[in-house]
Every structure is written in C-alpha cells, then in structure tokens.
Amino acid sequence: MGKIDIPMLLLATLVILMFVLVGIAIAFRNIWLVLLFLLLGSLFMGFGLYVKRKRK
C-alpha cells in the first residue's frame, strides 16, 4: 500500500466541497454563489493538476 499524500488529498477534498456548494447555491437560487463556487472549484482543480504535472 502506498503512502497517502495528505496535501493532495486535502486539495481534492476542497475541490469536491466547492462543487457540492454549487449544488447548495443552486438550491438557494443564488446565481452569484453558483458562479463563485464554480470559479473556485475550477481554479483549485487546475492548481491540483498543475502541481501533479510538476511533480512528475
């Protein structure tokens, strides 16, 4: 079993949280929160992919 990479695990959890918050914002019918959480989720995902590519 491999070693767990805690920072990347936390980053992945943060990305999932942002997209869950998009769903909650849709339920509240707040377009500004939907856009904010979509933007943050995309930025965090892009940052995670950038870090992963840099490590290899």
PDB file of N, CA and C in Angstrom:
ATOM      1  N   MET A   1       0.829  -1.172   0.000  1.00  0.00           N
ATOM      2  CA  MET A   1       0.000   0.000   0.000  1.00  0.00           C
ATOM      3  C   MET A   1       0.880   1.245   0.000  1.00  0.00           C
ATOM      4  N   GLY A   2       0.520   2.209  -0.868  1.00  0.00           N
ATOM      5  CA  GLY A   2       1.330   3.413  -0.995  1.00  0.00           C
ATOM      6  C   GLY A   2       1.079   4.411   0.116  1.00  0.00           C
ATOM      7  N   LYS A   3       2.008   5.339   0.210  1.00  0.00           N
ATOM      8  CA  LYS A   3       1.900   6.394   1.202  1.00  0.00           C
ATOM      9  C   LYS A   3       0.831   7.397   0.760  1.00  0.00           C
ATOM     10  N   ILE A   4       0.016   7.858   1.675  1.00  0.00           N
ATOM     11  CA  ILE A   4      -1.049   8.808   1.352  1.00  0.00           C
ATOM     12  C   ILE A   4      -0.464  10.214   1.305  1.00  0.00           C
ATOM     13  N   ASP A   5      -0.748  10.910   0.211  1.00  0.00           N
ATOM     14  CA  ASP A   5      -0.283  12.275   0.022  1.00  0.00           C
ATOM     15  C   ASP A   5      -1.331  13.223   0.608  1.00  0.00           C
ATOM     16  N   ILE A   6      -1.118  13.646   1.848  1.00  0.00           N
ATOM     17  CA  ILE A   6      -2.106  14.430   2.588  1.00  0.00           C
ATOM     18  C   ILE A   6      -2.434  15.769   1.915  1.00  0.00           C
ATOM     19  N   PRO A   7      -1.454  16.565   1.459  1.00  0.00           N
ATOM     20  CA  PRO A   7      -1.816  17.843   0.826  1.00  0.00           C
ATOM     21  C   PRO A   7      -2.684  17.677  -0.424  1.00  0.00           C
ATOM     22  N   MET A   8      -2.388  16.679  -1.239  1.00  0.00           N
ATOM     23  CA  MET A   8      -3.194  16.465  -2.448  1.00  0.00           C
ATOM     24  C   MET A   8      -4.576  15.927  -2.080  1.00  0.00           C
ATOM     25  N   LEU A   9      -4.657  15.122  -1.029  1.00  0.00           N
ATOM     26  CA  LEU A   9      -5.946  14.636  -0.559  1.00  0.00           C
ATOM     27  C   LEU A   9      -6.814  15.793  -0.077  1.00  0.00           C
ATOM     28  N   LEU A  10      -6.227  16.722   0.656  1.00  0.00           N
ATOM     29  CA  LEU A  10      -6.966  17.892   1.135  1.00  0.00           C
ATOM     30  C   LEU A  10      -7.397  18.781  -0.031  1.00  0.00           C
ATOM     31  N   LEU A  11      -6.540  18.921  -1.020  1.00  0.00           N
ATOM     32  CA  LEU A  11      -6.888  19.723  -2.188  1.00  0.00           C
ATOM     33  C   LEU A  11      -8.038  19.087  -2.966  1.00  0.00           C
ATOM     34  N   ALA A  12      -8.009  17.777  -3.123  1.00  0.00           N
ATOM     35  CA  ALA A  12      -9.095  17.077  -3.809  1.00  0.00           C
ATOM     36  C   ALA A  12     -10.404  17.195  -3.028  1.00  0.00           C
ATOM     37  N   THR A  13     -10.315  17.125  -1.710  1.00  0.00           N
ATOM     38  CA  THR A  13     -11.494  17.295  -0.874  1.00  0.00           C
ATOM     39  C   THR A  13     -12.057  18.704  -0.993  1.00  0.00           C
ATOM     40  N   LEU A  14     -11.178  19.680  -1.088  1.00  0.00           N
ATOM     41  CA  LEU A  14     -11.602  21.070  -1.257  1.00  0.00           C
ATOM     42  C   LEU A  14     -12.322  21.266  -2.588  1.00  0.00           C
ATOM     43  N   VAL A  15     -11.824  20.645  -3.639  1.00  0.00           N
ATOM     44  CA  VAL A  15     -12.475  20.732  -4.950  1.00  0.00           C
ATOM     45  C   VAL A  15     -13.866  20.115  -4.889  1.00  0.00           C
ATOM     46  N   ILE A  16     -13.986  18.954  -4.267  1.00  0.00           N
ATOM     47  CA  ILE A  16     -15.290  18.308  -4.138  1.00  0.00           C
ATOM     48  C   ILE A  16     -16.235  19.181  -3.327  1.00  0.00           C
ATOM     49  N   LEU A  17     -15.739  19.792  -2.257  1.00  0.00           N
ATOM     50  CA  LEU A  17     -16.557  20.681  -1.438  1.00  0.00           C
ATOM     51  C   LEU A  17     -17.080  21.862  -2.248  1.00  0.00           C
ATOM     52  N   MET A  18     -16.239  22.429  -3.106  1.00  0.00           N
ATOM     53  CA  MET A  18     -16.674  23.565  -3.923  1.00  0.00           C
ATOM     54  C   MET A  18     -17.830  23.168  -4.841  1.00  0.00           C
ATOM     55  N   PHE A  19     -17.757  21.983  -5.432  1.00  0.00           N
ATOM     56  CA  PHE A  19     -18.826  21.563  -6.338  1.00  0.00           C
ATOM     57  C   PHE A  19     -20.083  21.143  -5.572  1.00  0.00           C
ATOM     58  N   VAL A  20     -19.931  20.673  -4.346  1.00  0.00           N
ATOM     59  CA  VAL A  20     -21.102  20.422  -3.502  1.00  0.00           C
ATOM     60  C   VAL A  20     -21.772  21.754  -3.162  1.00  0.00           C
ATOM     61  N   LEU A  21     -20.964  22.764  -2.876  1.00  0.00           N
ATOM     62  CA  LEU A  21     -21.507  24.088  -2.571  1.00  0.00           C
ATOM     63  C   LEU A  21     -22.207  24.704  -3.779  1.00  0.00           C
ATOM     64  N   VAL A  22     -21.777  24.347  -4.986  1.00  0.00           N
ATOM     65  CA  VAL A  22     -22.502  24.788  -6.183  1.00  0.00           C
ATOM     66  C   VAL A  22     -23.923  24.249  -6.144  1.00  0.00           C
ATOM     67  N   GLY A  23     -24.078  22.989  -5.800  1.00  0.00           N
ATOM     68  CA  GLY A  23     -25.405  22.396  -5.703  1.00  0.00           C
ATOM     69  C   GLY A  23     -26.260  23.062  -4.647  1.00  0.00           C
ATOM     70  N   ILE A  24     -25.657  23.395  -3.518  1.00  0.00           N
ATOM     71  CA  ILE A  24     -26.396  24.080  -2.461  1.00  0.00           C
ATOM     72  C   ILE A  24     -26.797  25.481  -2.912  1.00  0.00           C
ATOM     73  N   ALA A  25     -25.889  26.168  -3.603  1.00  0.00           N
ATOM     74  CA  ALA A  25     -26.201  27.505  -4.095  1.00  0.00           C
ATOM     75  C   ALA A  25     -27.314  27.465  -5.141  1.00  0.00           C
ATOM     76  N   ILE A  26     -27.349  26.408  -5.952  1.00  0.00           N
ATOM     77  CA  ILE A  26     -28.448  26.251  -6.917  1.00  0.00           C
ATOM     78  C   ILE A  26     -29.766  26.075  -6.163  1.00  0.00           C
ATOM     79  N   ALA A  27     -29.739  25.308  -5.085  1.00  0.00           N
ATOM     80  CA  ALA A  27     -30.947  25.091  -4.293  1.00  0.00           C
ATOM     81  C   ALA A  27     -31.444  26.407  -3.696  1.00  0.00           C
ATOM     82  N   PHE A  28     -30.518  27.299  -3.333  1.00  0.00           N
ATOM     83  CA  PHE A  28     -30.896  28.600  -2.783  1.00  0.00           C
ATOM     84  C   PHE A  28     -31.194  29.635  -3.866  1.00  0.00           C
ATOM     85  N   ARG A  29     -31.021  29.229  -5.128  1.00  0.00           N
ATOM     86  CA  ARG A  29     -31.259  30.094  -6.287  1.00  0.00           C
ATOM     87  C   ARG A  29     -30.441  31.386  -6.220  1.00  0.00           C
ATOM     88  N   ASN A  30     -29.172  31.234  -5.849  1.00  0.00           N
ATOM     89  CA  ASN A  30     -28.276  32.378  -5.766  1.00  0.00           C
ATOM     90  C   ASN A  30     -27.209  32.235  -6.858  1.00  0.00           C
ATOM     91  N   ILE A  31     -27.399  32.962  -7.948  1.00  0.00           N
ATOM     92  CA  ILE A  31     -26.506  32.821  -9.111  1.00  0.00           C
ATOM     93  C   ILE A  31     -25.082  33.266  -8.801  1.00  0.00           C
ATOM     94  N   TRP A  32     -24.935  34.256  -7.919  1.00  0.00           N
ATOM     95  CA  TRP A  32     -23.591  34.754  -7.612  1.00  0.00           C
ATOM     96  C   TRP A  32     -22.768  33.712  -6.859  1.00  0.00           C
ATOM     97  N   LEU A  33     -23.415  32.992  -5.935  1.00  0.00           N
ATOM     98  CA  LEU A  33     -22.695  31.926  -5.233  1.00  0.00           C
ATOM     99  C   LEU A  33     -22.390  30.763  -6.165  1.00  0.00           C
ATOM    100  N   VAL A  34     -23.300  30.465  -7.079  1.00  0.00           N
ATOM    101  CA  VAL A  34     -23.055  29.398  -8.061  1.00  0.00           C
ATOM    102  C   VAL A  34     -21.808  29.739  -8.871  1.00  0.00           C
ATOM    103  N   LEU A  35     -21.758  30.956  -9.376  1.00  0.00           N
ATOM    104  CA  LEU A  35     -20.606  31.376 -10.185  1.00  0.00           C
ATOM    105  C   LEU A  35     -19.316  31.392  -9.363  1.00  0.00           C
ATOM    106  N   LEU A  36     -19.412  31.873  -8.126  1.00  0.00           N
ATOM    107  CA  LEU A  36     -18.228  31.925  -7.261  1.00  0.00           C
ATOM    108  C   LEU A  36     -17.677  30.528  -6.996  1.00  0.00           C
ATOM    109  N   PHE A  37     -18.557  29.590  -6.606  1.00  0.00           N
ATOM    110  CA  PHE A  37     -18.086  28.244  -6.277  1.00  0.00           C
ATOM    111  C   PHE A  37     -17.622  27.488  -7.519  1.00  0.00           C
ATOM    112  N   LEU A  38     -18.251  27.734  -8.668  1.00  0.00           N
ATOM    113  CA  LEU A  38     -17.768  27.127  -9.908  1.00  0.00           C
ATOM    114  C   LEU A  38     -16.366  27.626 -10.240  1.00  0.00           C
ATOM    115  N   LEU A  39     -16.165  28.920 -10.097  1.00  0.00           N
ATOM    116  CA  LEU A  39     -14.850  29.502 -10.376  1.00  0.00           C
ATOM    117  C   LEU A  39     -13.801  28.953  -9.411  1.00  0.00           C
ATOM    118  N   LEU A  40     -14.127  28.937  -8.122  1.00  0.00           N
ATOM    119  CA  LEU A  40     -13.168  28.426  -7.139  1.00  0.00           C
ATOM    120  C   LEU A  40     -12.870  26.942  -7.352  1.00  0.00           C
ATOM    121  N   GLY A  41     -13.898  26.155  -7.651  1.00  0.00           N
ATOM    122  CA  GLY A  41     -13.685  24.732  -7.898  1.00  0.00           C
ATOM    123  C   GLY A  41     -12.787  24.496  -9.102  1.00  0.00           C
ATOM    124  N   SER A  42     -13.015  25.276 -10.152  1.00  0.00           N
ATOM    125  CA  SER A  42     -12.185  25.139 -11.355  1.00  0.00           C
ATOM    126  C   SER A  42     -10.747  25.575 -11.088  1.00  0.00           C
ATOM    127  N   LEU A  43     -10.587  26.656 -10.335  1.00  0.00           N
ATOM    128  CA  LEU A  43      -9.233  27.116 -10.016  1.00  0.00           C
ATOM    129  C   LEU A  43      -8.478  26.109  -9.155  1.00  0.00           C
ATOM    130  N   PHE A  44      -9.141  25.572  -8.143  1.00  0.00           N
ATOM    131  CA  PHE A  44      -8.483  24.580  -7.289  1.00  0.00           C
ATOM    132  C   PHE A  44      -8.150  23.316  -8.064  1.00  0.00           C
ATOM    133  N   MET A  45      -9.029  22.898  -8.966  1.00  0.00           N
ATOM    134  CA  MET A  45      -8.760  21.705  -9.766  1.00  0.00           C
ATOM    135  C   MET A  45      -7.579  21.956 -10.712  1.00  0.00           C
ATOM    136  N   GLY A  46      -7.564  23.123 -11.330  1.00  0.00           N
ATOM    137  CA  GLY A  46      -6.446  23.468 -12.206  1.00  0.00           C
ATOM    138  C   GLY A  46      -5.131  23.519 -11.448  1.00  0.00           C
ATOM    139  N   PHE A  47      -5.171  24.073 -10.239  1.00  0.00           N
ATOM    140  CA  PHE A  47      -3.962  24.131  -9.419  1.00  0.00           C
ATOM    141  C   PHE A  47      -3.484  22.727  -9.054  1.00  0.00           C
ATOM    142  N   GLY A  48      -4.417  21.834  -8.728  1.00  0.00           N
ATOM    143  CA  GLY A  48      -4.051  20.453  -8.401  1.00  0.00           C
ATOM    144  C   GLY A  48      -3.425  19.735  -9.583  1.00  0.00           C
ATOM    145  N   LEU A  49      -3.980  19.940 -10.770  1.00  0.00           N
ATOM    146  CA  LEU A  49      -3.406  19.326 -11.971  1.00  0.00           C
ATOM    147  C   LEU A  49      -2.027  19.899 -12.270  1.00  0.00           C
ATOM    148  N   TYR A  50      -1.852  21.204 -12.040  1.00  0.00           N
ATOM    149  CA  TYR A  50      -0.558  21.854 -12.248  1.00  0.00           C
ATOM    150  C   TYR A  50       0.499  21.264 -11.297  1.00  0.00           C
ATOM    151  N   VAL A  51       0.137  21.116 -10.027  1.00  0.00           N
ATOM    152  CA  VAL A  51       1.073  20.557  -9.041  1.00  0.00           C
ATOM    153  C   VAL A  51       1.407  19.109  -9.382  1.00  0.00           C
ATOM    154  N   LYS A  52       0.416  18.344  -9.790  1.00  0.00           N
ATOM    155  CA  LYS A  52       0.643  16.934 -10.134  1.00  0.00           C
ATOM    156  C   LYS A  52       1.601  16.820 -11.326  1.00  0.00           C
ATOM    157  N   ARG A  53       1.415  17.679 -12.317  1.00  0.00           N
ATOM    158  CA  ARG A  53       2.266  17.650 -13.504  1.00  0.00           C
ATOM    159  C   ARG A  53       3.692  18.074 -13.146  1.00  0.00           C
ATOM    160  N   LYS A  54       3.835  19.033 -12.233  1.00  0.00           N
ATOM    161  CA  LYS A  54       5.154  19.499 -11.832  1.00  0.00           C
ATOM    162  C   LYS A  54       5.933  18.426 -11.065  1.00  0.00           C
ATOM    163  N   ARG A  55       5.219  17.562 -10.351  1.00  0.00           N
ATOM    164  CA  ARG A  55       5.887  16.530  -9.554  1.00  0.00           C
ATOM    165  C   ARG A  55       6.489  15.440 -10.426  1.00  0.00           C
ATOM    166  N   LYS A  56       5.950  15.235 -11.617  1.00  0.00           N
ATOM    167  CA  LYS A  56       6.452  14.156 -12.482  1.00  0.00           C
ATOM    168  C   LYS A  56       7.589  14.595 -13.342  1.00  0.00           C
TER     169      LYS A  56
END
